[in-house]
Amino acid sequence: MAKTENKGILKTWKDDRGFGFIKPEDGSDDLFIHISALHETSRRPYRGDIIYYQVEHGSDGKSKAINASIEGVEIHSKQKVNSKKWLWITAIILGLLGIAAIAYYNMK
């Protein structure tokens, strides 16, 4: 079953505690959101941000936002991090090959 994406405005945000509440645009009750739901965004949220999210209903009857993003805010992808890692590995290998070539020609 596909999860539906919802939209709302971040009504409150306690940055020191890492959570707040979203006012859903459909008029339903405010929804809890934790910073962990925004794990790939490039900045922390601000009150008034438009948030896209999915809803998770807990066994305790409480609902919370998950898989959330902030409208207009870049998403960090793990692929970018991995590509930088490979760039460093490639640079180190090329550097070592260069040193080995210099040492080889100096031995002659």
C-alpha atoms as a PDB file:
ATOM      1  CA  MET A   1       0.000   0.000   0.000  1.00  0.00           C
ATOM      2  CA  ALA A   2       1.465   3.387  -1.013  1.00  0.00           C
ATOM      3  CA  LYS A   3       1.914   6.012   1.654  1.00  0.00           C
ATOM      4  CA  THR A   4       0.163   9.316   1.052  1.00  0.00           C
ATOM      5  CA  GLU A   5       2.143  12.550   1.237  1.00  0.00           C
ATOM      6  CA  ASN A   6       0.543  15.314   3.284  1.00  0.00           C
ATOM      7  CA  LYS A   7       1.275  19.022   3.518  1.00  0.00           C
ATOM      8  CA  GLY A   8       1.103  21.433   6.413  1.00  0.00           C
ATOM      9  CA  ILE A   9       2.691  24.451   8.070  1.00  0.00           C
ATOM     10  CA  LEU A  10       5.114  24.092  10.955  1.00  0.00           C
ATOM     11  CA  LYS A  11       3.096  25.779  13.690  1.00  0.00           C
ATOM     12  CA  THR A  12       5.600  25.452  16.535  1.00  0.00           C
ATOM     13  CA  TRP A  13       9.229  24.372  16.753  1.00  0.00           C
ATOM     14  CA  LYS A  14      11.418  23.873  19.823  1.00  0.00           C
ATOM     15  CA  ASP A  15      14.881  23.766  18.297  1.00  0.00           C
ATOM     16  CA  ASP A  16      16.606  23.055  21.611  1.00  0.00           C
ATOM     17  CA  ARG A  17      14.458  19.929  22.006  1.00  0.00           C
ATOM     18  CA  GLY A  18      14.240  18.948  18.318  1.00  0.00           C
ATOM     19  CA  PHE A  19      10.500  18.735  17.887  1.00  0.00           C
ATOM     20  CA  GLY A  20       7.399  20.711  16.997  1.00  0.00           C
ATOM     21  CA  PHE A  21       3.896  20.516  15.613  1.00  0.00           C
ATOM     22  CA  ILE A  22       2.537  20.737  12.082  1.00  0.00           C
ATOM     23  CA  LYS A  23      -0.852  22.257  11.274  1.00  0.00           C
ATOM     24  CA  PRO A  24      -2.089  20.012   8.411  1.00  0.00           C
ATOM     25  CA  GLU A  25      -3.599  21.862   5.462  1.00  0.00           C
ATOM     26  CA  ASP A  26      -6.625  19.539   5.557  1.00  0.00           C
ATOM     27  CA  GLY A  27      -7.634  21.104   8.884  1.00  0.00           C
ATOM     28  CA  SER A  28      -7.059  18.004  10.999  1.00  0.00           C
ATOM     29  CA  ASP A  29      -5.486  18.145  14.465  1.00  0.00           C
ATOM     30  CA  ASP A  30      -1.903  19.332  14.897  1.00  0.00           C
ATOM     31  CA  LEU A  31       0.655  16.600  14.290  1.00  0.00           C
ATOM     32  CA  PHE A  32       3.877  15.924  16.207  1.00  0.00           C
ATOM     33  CA  ILE A  33       7.141  16.038  14.241  1.00  0.00           C
ATOM     34  CA  HIS A  34      10.609  15.116  15.525  1.00  0.00           C
ATOM     35  CA  ILE A  35      13.865  16.283  13.932  1.00  0.00           C
ATOM     36  CA  SER A  36      14.619  12.659  13.003  1.00  0.00           C
ATOM     37  CA  ALA A  37      11.738  12.801  10.495  1.00  0.00           C
ATOM     38  CA  LEU A  38      13.755  15.464   8.605  1.00  0.00           C
ATOM     39  CA  HIS A  39      17.047  13.544   8.594  1.00  0.00           C
ATOM     40  CA  GLU A  40      18.082  14.410   5.021  1.00  0.00           C
ATOM     41  CA  THR A  41      17.321  18.149   4.936  1.00  0.00           C
ATOM     42  CA  SER A  42      20.159  20.653   4.640  1.00  0.00           C
ATOM     43  CA  ARG A  43      18.891  22.846   7.486  1.00  0.00           C
ATOM     44  CA  ARG A  44      16.773  22.653  10.603  1.00  0.00           C
ATOM     45  CA  PRO A  45      13.144  23.741  10.318  1.00  0.00           C
ATOM     46  CA  TYR A  46      11.721  27.147  11.247  1.00  0.00           C
ATOM     47  CA  ARG A  47       8.231  28.011  12.405  1.00  0.00           C
ATOM     48  CA  GLY A  48       6.145  28.804   9.305  1.00  0.00           C
ATOM     49  CA  ASP A  49       7.966  26.327   7.003  1.00  0.00           C
ATOM     50  CA  ILE A  50       5.778  24.275   4.697  1.00  0.00           C
ATOM     51  CA  ILE A  51       6.352  20.612   5.511  1.00  0.00           C
ATOM     52  CA  TYR A  52       5.593  17.583   3.336  1.00  0.00           C
ATOM     53  CA  TYR A  53       5.263  14.393   5.352  1.00  0.00           C
ATOM     54  CA  GLN A  54       3.689  10.999   5.822  1.00  0.00           C
ATOM     55  CA  VAL A  55       1.740  10.007   8.922  1.00  0.00           C
ATOM     56  CA  GLU A  56       2.579   7.079  11.159  1.00  0.00           C
ATOM     57  CA  HIS A  57      -0.049   5.878  13.629  1.00  0.00           C
ATOM     58  CA  GLY A  58       1.495   4.337  16.732  1.00  0.00           C
ATOM     59  CA  SER A  59       0.073   1.454  18.737  1.00  0.00           C
ATOM     60  CA  ASP A  60      -0.484   3.942  21.571  1.00  0.00           C
ATOM     61  CA  GLY A  61      -3.020   5.797  19.401  1.00  0.00           C
ATOM     62  CA  LYS A  62      -0.721   8.768  18.801  1.00  0.00           C
ATOM     63  CA  SER A  63       0.226   9.907  15.312  1.00  0.00           C
ATOM     64  CA  LYS A  64       3.426  11.570  14.146  1.00  0.00           C
ATOM     65  CA  ALA A  65       5.003  12.865  10.962  1.00  0.00           C
ATOM     66  CA  ILE A  66       7.647  10.685   9.272  1.00  0.00           C
ATOM     67  CA  ASN A  67       9.659  10.899   6.031  1.00  0.00           C
ATOM     68  CA  ALA A  68       9.306  14.674   6.094  1.00  0.00           C
ATOM     69  CA  SER A  69      10.858  17.416   3.965  1.00  0.00           C
ATOM     70  CA  ILE A  70      10.767  21.206   3.986  1.00  0.00           C
ATOM     71  CA  GLU A  71       9.455  22.964   0.886  1.00  0.00           C
ATOM     72  CA  GLY A  72      12.299  24.642  -1.003  1.00  0.00           C
ATOM     73  CA  VAL A  73      15.065  23.124   1.138  1.00  0.00           C
ATOM     74  CA  GLU A  74      17.683  20.902  -0.455  1.00  0.00           C
ATOM     75  CA  ILE A  75      17.786  17.242   0.450  1.00  0.00           C
ATOM     76  CA  HIS A  76      21.207  15.765   1.209  1.00  0.00           C
ATOM     77  CA  SER A  77      21.656  12.476  -0.551  1.00  0.00           C
ATOM     78  CA  LYS A  78      23.931   9.697   0.575  1.00  0.00           C
ATOM     79  CA  GLN A  79      25.118   9.415  -3.013  1.00  0.00           C
ATOM     80  CA  LYS A  80      26.801  12.843  -2.772  1.00  0.00           C
ATOM     81  CA  VAL A  81      28.672  11.764   0.362  1.00  0.00           C
ATOM     82  CA  ASN A  82      29.794   8.510  -1.272  1.00  0.00           C
ATOM     83  CA  SER A  83      30.966  10.314  -4.424  1.00  0.00           C
ATOM     84  CA  LYS A  84      33.188  12.590  -2.297  1.00  0.00           C
ATOM     85  CA  LYS A  85      34.637   9.543  -0.564  1.00  0.00           C
ATOM     86  CA  TRP A  86      35.536   7.999  -3.947  1.00  0.00           C
ATOM     87  CA  LEU A  87      37.085  11.284  -5.052  1.00  0.00           C
ATOM     88  CA  TRP A  88      39.423  11.194  -2.038  1.00  0.00           C
ATOM     89  CA  ILE A  89      40.295   7.535  -2.570  1.00  0.00           C
ATOM     90  CA  THR A  90      41.078   8.201  -6.238  1.00  0.00           C
ATOM     91  CA  ALA A  91      43.283  11.180  -5.330  1.00  0.00           C
ATOM     92  CA  ILE A  92      45.225   9.121  -2.771  1.00  0.00           C
ATOM     93  CA  ILE A  93      45.757   6.246  -5.212  1.00  0.00           C
ATOM     94  CA  LEU A  94      46.962   8.606  -7.939  1.00  0.00           C
ATOM     95  CA  GLY A  95      49.290  10.292  -5.460  1.00  0.00           C
ATOM     96  CA  LEU A  96      50.763   6.954  -4.384  1.00  0.00           C
ATOM     97  CA  LEU A  97      51.224   5.899  -8.023  1.00  0.00           C
ATOM     98  CA  GLY A  98      53.002   9.193  -8.714  1.00  0.00           C
ATOM     99  CA  ILE A  99      55.359   8.679  -5.779  1.00  0.00           C
ATOM    100  CA  ALA A 100      56.034   5.098  -6.884  1.00  0.00           C
ATOM    101  CA  ALA A 101      56.827   6.286 -10.440  1.00  0.00           C
ATOM    102  CA  ILE A 102      59.246   8.927  -9.162  1.00  0.00           C
ATOM    103  CA  ALA A 103      60.962   6.415  -6.896  1.00  0.00           C
ATOM    104  CA  TYR A 104      61.253   3.916  -9.779  1.00  0.00           C
ATOM    105  CA  TYR A 105      62.855   6.443 -12.147  1.00  0.00           C
ATOM    106  CA  ASN A 106      65.229   7.703  -9.445  1.00  0.00           C
ATOM    107  CA  MET A 107      66.506   4.139  -8.875  1.00  0.00           C
ATOM    108  CA  LYS A 108      67.742   3.884 -12.471  1.00  0.00           C
END
